[in-house]
PDB file of N, CA and C in Angstrom:
ATOM      1  N   UNK A   1       0.803  -1.197   0.000  1.00  0.00           N
ATOM      2  CA  UNK A   1       0.000   0.000   0.000  1.00  0.00           C
ATOM      3  C   UNK A   1       0.851   1.269   0.000  1.00  0.00           C
ATOM      4  N   UNK A   2       2.158   1.107  -0.178  1.00  0.00           N
ATOM      5  CA  UNK A   2       3.031   2.285  -0.198  1.00  0.00           C
ATOM      6  C   UNK A   2       2.664   3.252  -1.311  1.00  0.00           C
ATOM      7  N   UNK A   3       2.150   2.730  -2.406  1.00  0.00           N
ATOM      8  CA  UNK A   3       1.819   3.606  -3.532  1.00  0.00           C
ATOM      9  C   UNK A   3       0.755   4.633  -3.160  1.00  0.00           C
ATOM     10  N   UNK A   4      -0.060   4.331  -2.154  1.00  0.00           N
ATOM     11  CA  UNK A   4      -1.071   5.295  -1.721  1.00  0.00           C
ATOM     12  C   UNK A   4      -0.468   6.393  -0.855  1.00  0.00           C
ATOM     13  N   UNK A   5       0.582   6.060  -0.121  1.00  0.00           N
ATOM     14  CA  UNK A   5       1.211   7.075   0.723  1.00  0.00           C
ATOM     15  C   UNK A   5       2.210   7.914  -0.047  1.00  0.00           C
ATOM     16  N   UNK A   6       2.703   7.402  -1.166  1.00  0.00           N
ATOM     17  CA  UNK A   6       3.661   8.155  -1.969  1.00  0.00           C
ATOM     18  C   UNK A   6       2.973   9.218  -2.815  1.00  0.00           C
ATOM     19  N   UNK A   7       1.709   9.086  -3.055  1.00  0.00           N
ATOM     20  CA  UNK A   7       0.944  10.057  -3.831  1.00  0.00           C
ATOM     21  C   UNK A   7      -0.013  10.788  -2.897  1.00  0.00           C
ATOM     22  N   UNK A   8      -0.374  11.975  -3.243  1.00  0.00           N
ATOM     23  CA  UNK A   8      -1.377  12.703  -2.464  1.00  0.00           C
ATOM     24  C   UNK A   8      -2.749  12.203  -2.910  1.00  0.00           C
ATOM     25  N   UNK A   9      -3.208  11.131  -2.270  1.00  0.00           N
ATOM     26  CA  UNK A   9      -4.418  10.441  -2.706  1.00  0.00           C
ATOM     27  C   UNK A   9      -5.651  11.334  -2.607  1.00  0.00           C
ATOM     28  N   UNK A  10      -5.708  12.212  -1.612  1.00  0.00           N
ATOM     29  CA  UNK A  10      -6.862  13.123  -1.493  1.00  0.00           C
ATOM     30  C   UNK A  10      -6.908  14.083  -2.672  1.00  0.00           C
ATOM     31  N   UNK A  11      -5.753  14.558  -3.069  1.00  0.00           N
ATOM     32  CA  UNK A  11      -5.686  15.479  -4.209  1.00  0.00           C
ATOM     33  C   UNK A  11      -6.115  14.774  -5.496  1.00  0.00           C
ATOM     34  N   UNK A  12      -5.800  13.481  -5.606  1.00  0.00           N
ATOM     35  CA  UNK A  12      -6.176  12.705  -6.783  1.00  0.00           C
ATOM     36  C   UNK A  12      -7.671  12.412  -6.793  1.00  0.00           C
ATOM     37  N   UNK A  13      -8.233  12.026  -5.655  1.00  0.00           N
ATOM     38  CA  UNK A  13      -9.631  11.605  -5.606  1.00  0.00           C
ATOM     39  C   UNK A  13     -10.622  12.761  -5.601  1.00  0.00           C
ATOM     40  N   UNK A  14     -10.221  13.921  -5.140  1.00  0.00           N
ATOM     41  CA  UNK A  14     -11.149  15.050  -5.077  1.00  0.00           C
ATOM     42  C   UNK A  14     -11.804  15.360  -6.414  1.00  0.00           C
ATOM     43  N   UNK A  15     -11.055  15.505  -7.516  1.00  0.00           N
ATOM     44  CA  UNK A  15     -11.735  15.781  -8.784  1.00  0.00           C
ATOM     45  C   UNK A  15     -12.560  14.598  -9.286  1.00  0.00           C
ATOM     46  N   UNK A  16     -12.216  13.381  -8.862  1.00  0.00           N
ATOM     47  CA  UNK A  16     -12.954  12.206  -9.322  1.00  0.00           C
ATOM     48  C   UNK A  16     -14.316  12.098  -8.652  1.00  0.00           C
ATOM     49  N   UNK A  17     -14.504  12.733  -7.515  1.00  0.00           N
ATOM     50  CA  UNK A  17     -15.780  12.618  -6.812  1.00  0.00           C
ATOM     51  C   UNK A  17     -16.833  13.561  -7.353  1.00  0.00           C
ATOM     52  N   UNK A  18     -16.456  14.475  -8.214  1.00  0.00           N
ATOM     53  CA  UNK A  18     -17.422  15.421  -8.772  1.00  0.00           C
ATOM     54  C   UNK A  18     -17.240  15.565 -10.276  1.00  0.00           C
ATOM     55  N   UNK A  19     -17.193  14.426 -10.985  1.00  0.00           N
ATOM     56  CA  UNK A  19     -16.973  14.475 -12.431  1.00  0.00           C
ATOM     57  C   UNK A  19     -18.258  14.655 -13.218  1.00  0.00           C
ATOM     58  N   UNK A  20     -19.390  14.570 -12.556  1.00  0.00           N
ATOM     59  CA  UNK A  20     -20.656  14.658 -13.269  1.00  0.00           C
ATOM     60  C   UNK A  20     -20.895  16.062 -13.809  1.00  0.00           C
ATOM     61  N   UNK A  21     -21.303  16.134 -15.060  1.00  0.00           N
ATOM     62  CA  UNK A  21     -21.619  17.414 -15.689  1.00  0.00           C
ATOM     63  C   UNK A  21     -23.118  17.628 -15.821  1.00  0.00           C
ATOM     64  N   UNK A  22     -23.903  16.754 -15.234  1.00  0.00           N
ATOM     65  CA  UNK A  22     -25.352  16.849 -15.303  1.00  0.00           C
ATOM     66  C   UNK A  22     -25.817  18.046 -14.472  1.00  0.00           C
ATOM     67  N   UNK A  23     -26.629  18.962 -15.043  1.00  0.00           N
ATOM     68  CA  UNK A  23     -27.059  20.148 -14.298  1.00  0.00           C
ATOM     69  C   UNK A  23     -27.889  19.825 -13.062  1.00  0.00           C
ATOM     70  N   UNK A  24     -28.520  18.647 -13.022  1.00  0.00           N
ATOM     71  CA  UNK A  24     -29.308  18.272 -11.848  1.00  0.00           C
ATOM     72  C   UNK A  24     -28.429  18.030 -10.633  1.00  0.00           C
ATOM     73  N   UNK A  25     -27.158  17.757 -10.863  1.00  0.00           N
ATOM     74  CA  UNK A  25     -26.298  17.407  -9.736  1.00  0.00           C
ATOM     75  C   UNK A  25     -25.010  18.215  -9.730  1.00  0.00           C
ATOM     76  N   UNK A  26     -24.996  19.336 -10.392  1.00  0.00           N
ATOM     77  CA  UNK A  26     -23.792  20.150 -10.443  1.00  0.00           C
ATOM     78  C   UNK A  26     -23.345  20.506  -9.026  1.00  0.00           C
ATOM     79  N   UNK A  27     -22.133  20.155  -8.716  1.00  0.00           N
ATOM     80  CA  UNK A  27     -21.605  20.414  -7.382  1.00  0.00           C
ATOM     81  C   UNK A  27     -21.795  19.263  -6.412  1.00  0.00           C
ATOM     82  N   UNK A  28     -22.610  18.268  -6.759  1.00  0.00           N
ATOM     83  CA  UNK A  28     -22.803  17.115  -5.884  1.00  0.00           C
ATOM     84  C   UNK A  28     -21.700  16.101  -6.173  1.00  0.00           C
ATOM     85  N   UNK A  29     -21.313  15.316  -5.180  1.00  0.00           N
ATOM     86  CA  UNK A  29     -20.386  14.214  -5.456  1.00  0.00           C
ATOM     87  C   UNK A  29     -21.070  13.187  -6.357  1.00  0.00           C
ATOM     88  N   UNK A  30     -20.310  12.557  -7.215  1.00  0.00           N
ATOM     89  CA  UNK A  30     -20.896  11.592  -8.152  1.00  0.00           C
ATOM     90  C   UNK A  30     -21.550  10.431  -7.412  1.00  0.00           C
ATOM     91  N   UNK A  31     -20.993  10.045  -6.262  1.00  0.00           N
ATOM     92  CA  UNK A  31     -21.593   8.923  -5.522  1.00  0.00           C
ATOM     93  C   UNK A  31     -23.014   9.257  -5.064  1.00  0.00           C
ATOM     94  N   UNK A  32     -23.257  10.494  -4.667  1.00  0.00           N
ATOM     95  CA  UNK A  32     -24.604  10.905  -4.276  1.00  0.00           C
ATOM     96  C   UNK A  32     -25.530  10.920  -5.489  1.00  0.00           C
ATOM     97  N   UNK A  33     -25.022  11.410  -6.603  1.00  0.00           N
ATOM     98  CA  UNK A  33     -25.806  11.445  -7.833  1.00  0.00           C
ATOM     99  C   UNK A  33     -26.221  10.038  -8.248  1.00  0.00           C
ATOM    100  N   UNK A  34     -25.281   9.099  -8.196  1.00  0.00           N
ATOM    101  CA  UNK A  34     -25.578   7.734  -8.620  1.00  0.00           C
ATOM    102  C   UNK A  34     -26.514   7.028  -7.645  1.00  0.00           C
ATOM    103  N   UNK A  35     -26.616   7.521  -6.420  1.00  0.00           N
ATOM    104  CA  UNK A  35     -27.490   6.899  -5.427  1.00  0.00           C
ATOM    105  C   UNK A  35     -28.963   7.187  -5.703  1.00  0.00           C
ATOM    106  N   UNK A  36     -29.262   8.191  -6.481  1.00  0.00           N
ATOM    107  CA  UNK A  36     -30.652   8.536  -6.767  1.00  0.00           C
ATOM    108  C   UNK A  36     -31.203   7.623  -7.868  1.00  0.00           C
ATOM    109  N   UNK A  37     -32.147   6.786  -7.499  1.00  0.00           N
ATOM    110  CA  UNK A  37     -32.717   5.846  -8.463  1.00  0.00           C
ATOM    111  C   UNK A  37     -33.459   6.554  -9.589  1.00  0.00           C
ATOM    112  N   UNK A  38     -34.094   7.653  -9.277  1.00  0.00           N
ATOM    113  CA  UNK A  38     -34.911   8.329 -10.281  1.00  0.00           C
ATOM    114  C   UNK A  38     -34.077   8.997 -11.367  1.00  0.00           C
ATOM    115  N   UNK A  39     -32.829   9.204 -11.122  1.00  0.00           N
ATOM    116  CA  UNK A  39     -31.996   9.871 -12.127  1.00  0.00           C
ATOM    117  C   UNK A  39     -30.797   9.006 -12.505  1.00  0.00           C
ATOM    118  N   UNK A  40     -31.061   7.729 -12.678  1.00  0.00           N
ATOM    119  CA  UNK A  40     -29.974   6.814 -13.027  1.00  0.00           C
ATOM    120  C   UNK A  40     -29.329   7.236 -14.345  1.00  0.00           C
ATOM    121  N   UNK A  41     -28.011   7.303 -14.375  1.00  0.00           N
ATOM    122  CA  UNK A  41     -27.320   7.721 -15.598  1.00  0.00           C
ATOM    123  C   UNK A  41     -27.365   6.623 -16.656  1.00  0.00           C
ATOM    124  N   UNK A  42     -27.217   7.024 -17.870  1.00  0.00           N
ATOM    125  CA  UNK A  42     -27.202   6.058 -18.966  1.00  0.00           C
ATOM    126  C   UNK A  42     -25.883   5.291 -18.950  1.00  0.00           C
ATOM    127  N   UNK A  43     -25.866   4.175 -19.638  1.00  0.00           N
ATOM    128  CA  UNK A  43     -24.642   3.381 -19.732  1.00  0.00           C
ATOM    129  C   UNK A  43     -23.513   4.168 -20.379  1.00  0.00           C
ATOM    130  N   UNK A  44     -23.851   4.986 -21.368  1.00  0.00           N
ATOM    131  CA  UNK A  44     -22.810   5.769 -22.030  1.00  0.00           C
ATOM    132  C   UNK A  44     -22.202   6.796 -21.074  1.00  0.00           C
ATOM    133  N   UNK A  45     -23.018   7.369 -20.188  1.00  0.00           N
ATOM    134  CA  UNK A  45     -22.490   8.325 -19.215  1.00  0.00           C
ATOM    135  C   UNK A  45     -21.602   7.611 -18.196  1.00  0.00           C
ATOM    136  N   UNK A  46     -22.020   6.418 -17.755  1.00  0.00           N
ATOM    137  CA  UNK A  46     -21.191   5.647 -16.834  1.00  0.00           C
ATOM    138  C   UNK A  46     -19.860   5.277 -17.473  1.00  0.00           C
ATOM    139  N   UNK A  47     -19.890   4.920 -18.748  1.00  0.00           N
ATOM    140  CA  UNK A  47     -18.656   4.610 -19.464  1.00  0.00           C
ATOM    141  C   UNK A  47     -17.760   5.841 -19.540  1.00  0.00           C
ATOM    142  N   UNK A  48     -18.364   6.992 -19.756  1.00  0.00           N
ATOM    143  CA  UNK A  48     -17.615   8.245 -19.792  1.00  0.00           C
ATOM    144  C   UNK A  48     -16.931   8.493 -18.449  1.00  0.00           C
ATOM    145  N   UNK A  49     -17.675   8.305 -17.337  1.00  0.00           N
ATOM    146  CA  UNK A  49     -17.098   8.471 -16.006  1.00  0.00           C
ATOM    147  C   UNK A  49     -15.949   7.482 -15.794  1.00  0.00           C
ATOM    148  N   UNK A  50     -16.182   6.241 -16.197  1.00  0.00           N
ATOM    149  CA  UNK A  50     -15.172   5.192 -16.038  1.00  0.00           C
ATOM    150  C   UNK A  50     -13.894   5.568 -16.778  1.00  0.00           C
ATOM    151  N   UNK A  51     -14.035   6.056 -17.992  1.00  0.00           N
ATOM    152  CA  UNK A  51     -12.868   6.453 -18.781  1.00  0.00           C
ATOM    153  C   UNK A  51     -12.140   7.635 -18.141  1.00  0.00           C
ATOM    154  N   UNK A  52     -12.894   8.583 -17.588  1.00  0.00           N
ATOM    155  CA  UNK A  52     -12.269   9.732 -16.922  1.00  0.00           C
ATOM    156  C   UNK A  52     -11.469   9.290 -15.702  1.00  0.00           C
ATOM    157  N   UNK A  53     -12.044   8.394 -14.926  1.00  0.00           N
ATOM    158  CA  UNK A  53     -11.364   7.914 -13.723  1.00  0.00           C
ATOM    159  C   UNK A  53     -10.106   7.150 -14.098  1.00  0.00           C
ATOM    160  N   UNK A  54     -10.201   6.269 -15.111  1.00  0.00           N
ATOM    161  CA  UNK A  54      -9.019   5.533 -15.542  1.00  0.00           C
ATOM    162  C   UNK A  54      -7.933   6.474 -16.047  1.00  0.00           C
ATOM    163  N   UNK A  55      -8.330   7.518 -16.760  1.00  0.00           N
ATOM    164  CA  UNK A  55      -7.362   8.484 -17.273  1.00  0.00           C
ATOM    165  C   UNK A  55      -6.641   9.193 -16.125  1.00  0.00           C
ATOM    166  N   UNK A  56      -7.392   9.617 -15.103  1.00  0.00           N
ATOM    167  CA  UNK A  56      -6.790  10.295 -13.945  1.00  0.00           C
ATOM    168  C   UNK A  56      -5.854   9.361 -13.190  1.00  0.00           C
ATOM    169  N   UNK A  57      -6.274   8.112 -13.002  1.00  0.00           N
ATOM    170  CA  UNK A  57      -5.422   7.151 -12.310  1.00  0.00           C
ATOM    171  C   UNK A  57      -4.159   6.854 -13.108  1.00  0.00           C
ATOM    172  N   UNK A  58      -4.286   6.787 -14.436  1.00  0.00           N
ATOM    173  CA  UNK A  58      -3.122   6.535 -15.285  1.00  0.00           C
ATOM    174  C   UNK A  58      -2.144   7.701 -15.218  1.00  0.00           C
ATOM    175  N   UNK A  59      -2.674   8.929 -15.245  1.00  0.00           N
ATOM    176  CA  UNK A  59      -1.820  10.112 -15.148  1.00  0.00           C
ATOM    177  C   UNK A  59      -1.054  10.134 -13.830  1.00  0.00           C
ATOM    178  N   UNK A  60      -1.687   9.641 -12.768  1.00  0.00           N
ATOM    179  CA  UNK A  60      -1.058   9.623 -11.450  1.00  0.00           C
ATOM    180  C   UNK A  60      -0.145   8.416 -11.264  1.00  0.00           C
ATOM    181  N   UNK A  61      -0.117   7.514 -12.260  1.00  0.00           N
ATOM    182  CA  UNK A  61       0.729   6.333 -12.171  1.00  0.00           C
ATOM    183  C   UNK A  61       0.175   5.246 -11.270  1.00  0.00           C
ATOM    184  N   UNK A  62      -1.127   5.246 -11.039  1.00  0.00           N
ATOM    185  CA  UNK A  62      -1.737   4.270 -10.132  1.00  0.00           C
ATOM    186  C   UNK A  62      -2.561   3.198 -10.830  1.00  0.00           C
ATOM    187  N   UNK A  63      -2.924   3.393 -12.079  1.00  0.00           N
ATOM    188  CA  UNK A  63      -3.848   2.474 -12.745  1.00  0.00           C
ATOM    189  C   UNK A  63      -3.292   1.057 -12.822  1.00  0.00           C
ATOM    190  N   UNK A  64      -2.073   0.902 -13.312  1.00  0.00           N
ATOM    191  CA  UNK A  64      -1.501  -0.441 -13.456  1.00  0.00           C
ATOM    192  C   UNK A  64      -1.263  -1.094 -12.096  1.00  0.00           C
ATOM    193  N   UNK A  65      -0.873  -0.298 -11.114  1.00  0.00           N
ATOM    194  CA  UNK A  65      -0.661  -0.835  -9.766  1.00  0.00           C
ATOM    195  C   UNK A  65      -1.976  -1.379  -9.209  1.00  0.00           C
ATOM    196  N   UNK A  66      -3.048  -0.618  -9.370  1.00  0.00           N
ATOM    197  CA  UNK A  66      -4.353  -1.062  -8.874  1.00  0.00           C
ATOM    198  C   UNK A  66      -4.860  -2.278  -9.638  1.00  0.00           C
ATOM    199  N   UNK A  67      -4.584  -2.338 -10.928  1.00  0.00           N
ATOM    200  CA  UNK A  67      -5.006  -3.515 -11.715  1.00  0.00           C
ATOM    201  C   UNK A  67      -4.255  -4.764 -11.272  1.00  0.00           C
ATOM    202  N   UNK A  68      -2.953  -4.628 -11.014  1.00  0.00           N
ATOM    203  CA  UNK A  68      -2.186  -5.783 -10.532  1.00  0.00           C
ATOM    204  C   UNK A  68      -2.700  -6.236  -9.171  1.00  0.00           C
ATOM    205  N   UNK A  69      -3.018  -5.288  -8.317  1.00  0.00           N
ATOM    206  CA  UNK A  69      -3.544  -5.639  -6.996  1.00  0.00           C
ATOM    207  C   UNK A  69      -4.901  -6.330  -7.123  1.00  0.00           C
ATOM    208  N   UNK A  70      -5.725  -5.846  -8.034  1.00  0.00           N
ATOM    209  CA  UNK A  70      -7.035  -6.462  -8.256  1.00  0.00           C
ATOM    210  C   UNK A  70      -6.880  -7.912  -8.690  1.00  0.00           C
ATOM    211  N   UNK A  71      -5.929  -8.167  -9.587  1.00  0.00           N
ATOM    212  CA  UNK A  71      -5.731  -9.525 -10.074  1.00  0.00           C
ATOM    213  C   UNK A  71      -5.152 -10.446  -9.010  1.00  0.00           C
ATOM    214  N   UNK A  72      -4.421  -9.879  -8.062  1.00  0.00           N
ATOM    215  CA  UNK A  72      -3.795 -10.714  -7.043  1.00  0.00           C
ATOM    216  C   UNK A  72      -4.637 -10.845  -5.777  1.00  0.00           C
ATOM    217  N   UNK A  73      -5.744 -10.133  -5.699  1.00  0.00           N
ATOM    218  CA  UNK A  73      -6.533 -10.176  -4.468  1.00  0.00           C
ATOM    219  C   UNK A  73      -7.316 -11.481  -4.390  1.00  0.00           C
ATOM    220  N   UNK A  74      -7.594 -11.889  -3.169  1.00  0.00           N
ATOM    221  CA  UNK A  74      -8.264 -13.175  -2.959  1.00  0.00           C
ATOM    222  C   UNK A  74      -9.726 -13.004  -2.573  1.00  0.00           C
ATOM    223  N   UNK A  75     -10.296 -11.829  -2.814  1.00  0.00           N
ATOM    224  CA  UNK A  75     -11.677 -11.571  -2.406  1.00  0.00           C
ATOM    225  C   UNK A  75     -12.647 -12.564  -3.047  1.00  0.00           C
ATOM    226  N   UNK A  76     -12.496 -12.800  -4.342  1.00  0.00           N
ATOM    227  CA  UNK A  76     -13.406 -13.740  -5.022  1.00  0.00           C
ATOM    228  C   UNK A  76     -13.283 -15.138  -4.438  1.00  0.00           C
ATOM    229  N   UNK A  77     -12.067 -15.553  -4.106  1.00  0.00           N
ATOM    230  CA  UNK A  77     -11.877 -16.870  -3.503  1.00  0.00           C
ATOM    231  C   UNK A  77     -12.574 -16.957  -2.149  1.00  0.00           C
ATOM    232  N   UNK A  78     -12.457 -15.904  -1.361  1.00  0.00           N
ATOM    233  CA  UNK A  78     -13.075 -15.921  -0.033  1.00  0.00           C
ATOM    234  C   UNK A  78     -14.596 -15.967  -0.128  1.00  0.00           C
ATOM    235  N   UNK A  79     -15.160 -15.363  -1.165  1.00  0.00           N
ATOM    236  CA  UNK A  79     -16.609 -15.453  -1.364  1.00  0.00           C
ATOM    237  C   UNK A  79     -17.020 -16.908  -1.548  1.00  0.00           C
ATOM    238  N   UNK A  80     -16.151 -17.683  -2.210  1.00  0.00           N
ATOM    239  CA  UNK A  80     -16.438 -19.095  -2.450  1.00  0.00           C
ATOM    240  C   UNK A  80     -15.974 -19.983  -1.296  1.00  0.00           C
ATOM    241  N   UNK A  81     -15.570 -19.384  -0.188  1.00  0.00           N
ATOM    242  CA  UNK A  81     -15.197 -20.162   0.985  1.00  0.00           C
ATOM    243  C   UNK A  81     -13.781 -20.678   0.978  1.00  0.00           C
ATOM    244  N   UNK A  82     -12.939 -20.167   0.114  1.00  0.00           N
ATOM    245  CA  UNK A  82     -11.550 -20.598   0.038  1.00  0.00           C
ATOM    246  C   UNK A  82     -10.670 -19.429   0.450  1.00  0.00           C
ATOM    247  N   UNK A  83      -9.941 -19.613   1.543  1.00  0.00           N
ATOM    248  CA  UNK A  83      -9.089 -18.525   2.017  1.00  0.00           C
ATOM    249  C   UNK A  83      -7.676 -18.639   1.457  1.00  0.00           C
ATOM    250  N   UNK A  84      -7.181 -19.851   1.275  1.00  0.00           N
ATOM    251  CA  UNK A  84      -5.815 -20.064   0.805  1.00  0.00           C
ATOM    252  C   UNK A  84      -5.834 -20.853  -0.502  1.00  0.00           C
ATOM    253  N   UNK A  85      -4.860 -20.588  -1.363  1.00  0.00           N
ATOM    254  CA  UNK A  85      -4.824 -21.235  -2.682  1.00  0.00           C
ATOM    255  C   UNK A  85      -4.737 -22.751  -2.572  1.00  0.00           C
ATOM    256  N   UNK A  86      -4.025 -23.261  -1.570  1.00  0.00           N
ATOM    257  CA  UNK A  86      -3.881 -24.713  -1.457  1.00  0.00           C
ATOM    258  C   UNK A  86      -5.209 -25.406  -1.176  1.00  0.00           C
ATOM    259  N   UNK A  87      -6.207 -24.667  -0.713  1.00  0.00           N
ATOM    260  CA  UNK A  87      -7.513 -25.269  -0.451  1.00  0.00           C
ATOM    261  C   UNK A  87      -8.256 -25.606  -1.737  1.00  0.00           C
ATOM    262  N   UNK A  88      -7.826 -25.043  -2.867  1.00  0.00           N
ATOM    263  CA  UNK A  88      -8.421 -25.389  -4.153  1.00  0.00           C
ATOM    264  C   UNK A  88      -7.919 -26.742  -4.638  1.00  0.00           C
ATOM    265  N   UNK A  89      -6.773 -27.191  -4.125  1.00  0.00           N
ATOM    266  CA  UNK A  89      -6.154 -28.433  -4.595  1.00  0.00           C
ATOM    267  C   UNK A  89      -6.853 -29.646  -3.995  1.00  0.00           C
ATOM    268  N   UNK A  90      -6.812 -30.726  -4.725  1.00  0.00           N
ATOM    269  CA  UNK A  90      -7.386 -31.981  -4.250  1.00  0.00           C
ATOM    270  C   UNK A  90      -6.246 -32.919  -3.902  1.00  0.00           C
ATOM    271  N   UNK A  91      -6.360 -33.574  -2.782  1.00  0.00           N
ATOM    272  CA  UNK A  91      -5.343 -34.528  -2.353  1.00  0.00           C
ATOM    273  C   UNK A  91      -5.926 -35.933  -2.468  1.00  0.00           C
ATOM    274  N   UNK A  92      -5.206 -36.816  -3.128  1.00  0.00           N
ATOM    275  CA  UNK A  92      -5.629 -38.211  -3.315  1.00  0.00           C
ATOM    276  C   UNK A  92      -7.000 -38.312  -3.961  1.00  0.00           C
ATOM    277  N   UNK A  93      -7.301 -37.397  -4.863  1.00  0.00           N
ATOM    278  CA  UNK A  93      -8.553 -37.461  -5.594  1.00  0.00           C
ATOM    279  C   UNK A  93      -9.771 -37.011  -4.808  1.00  0.00           C
ATOM    280  N   UNK A  94      -9.595 -36.479  -3.616  1.00  0.00           N
ATOM    281  CA  UNK A  94     -10.726 -36.038  -2.804  1.00  0.00           C
ATOM    282  C   UNK A  94     -10.706 -34.521  -2.665  1.00  0.00           C
ATOM    283  N   UNK A  95     -11.874 -33.913  -2.727  1.00  0.00           N
ATOM    284  CA  UNK A  95     -11.929 -32.459  -2.550  1.00  0.00           C
ATOM    285  C   UNK A  95     -11.704 -32.055  -1.106  1.00  0.00           C
TER     286      UNK A  95
END
C-alpha cells in the first residue's frame, strides 16, 4: 500500500468525486448522484465516467498498480469459501 502514501491520494480523488456534468447534480459528489434511483445515468455516461477515472489514475501512475492488486486479491476466492490457494487443490482425488 506504499503507492497510496507516496501520492497525495486526497488530491487525486477530489476531482474524481465530482466528475458529473449533469445540471441536476452540479456540485454534488458523483456517488450521491448515482445513489438517486430516479436519475440513473445512462450506460454511455457511466462509461464516460469510467474512462475519466481511468485516465486520472493513469496520469497519477496508479492504474496499473491497482489492476495488478485487483488480479492478485483473494476476495473472489473468499466469497467461495476458500481462504488459501492450497484449499483449491485436491489430495488423493478427494476435494
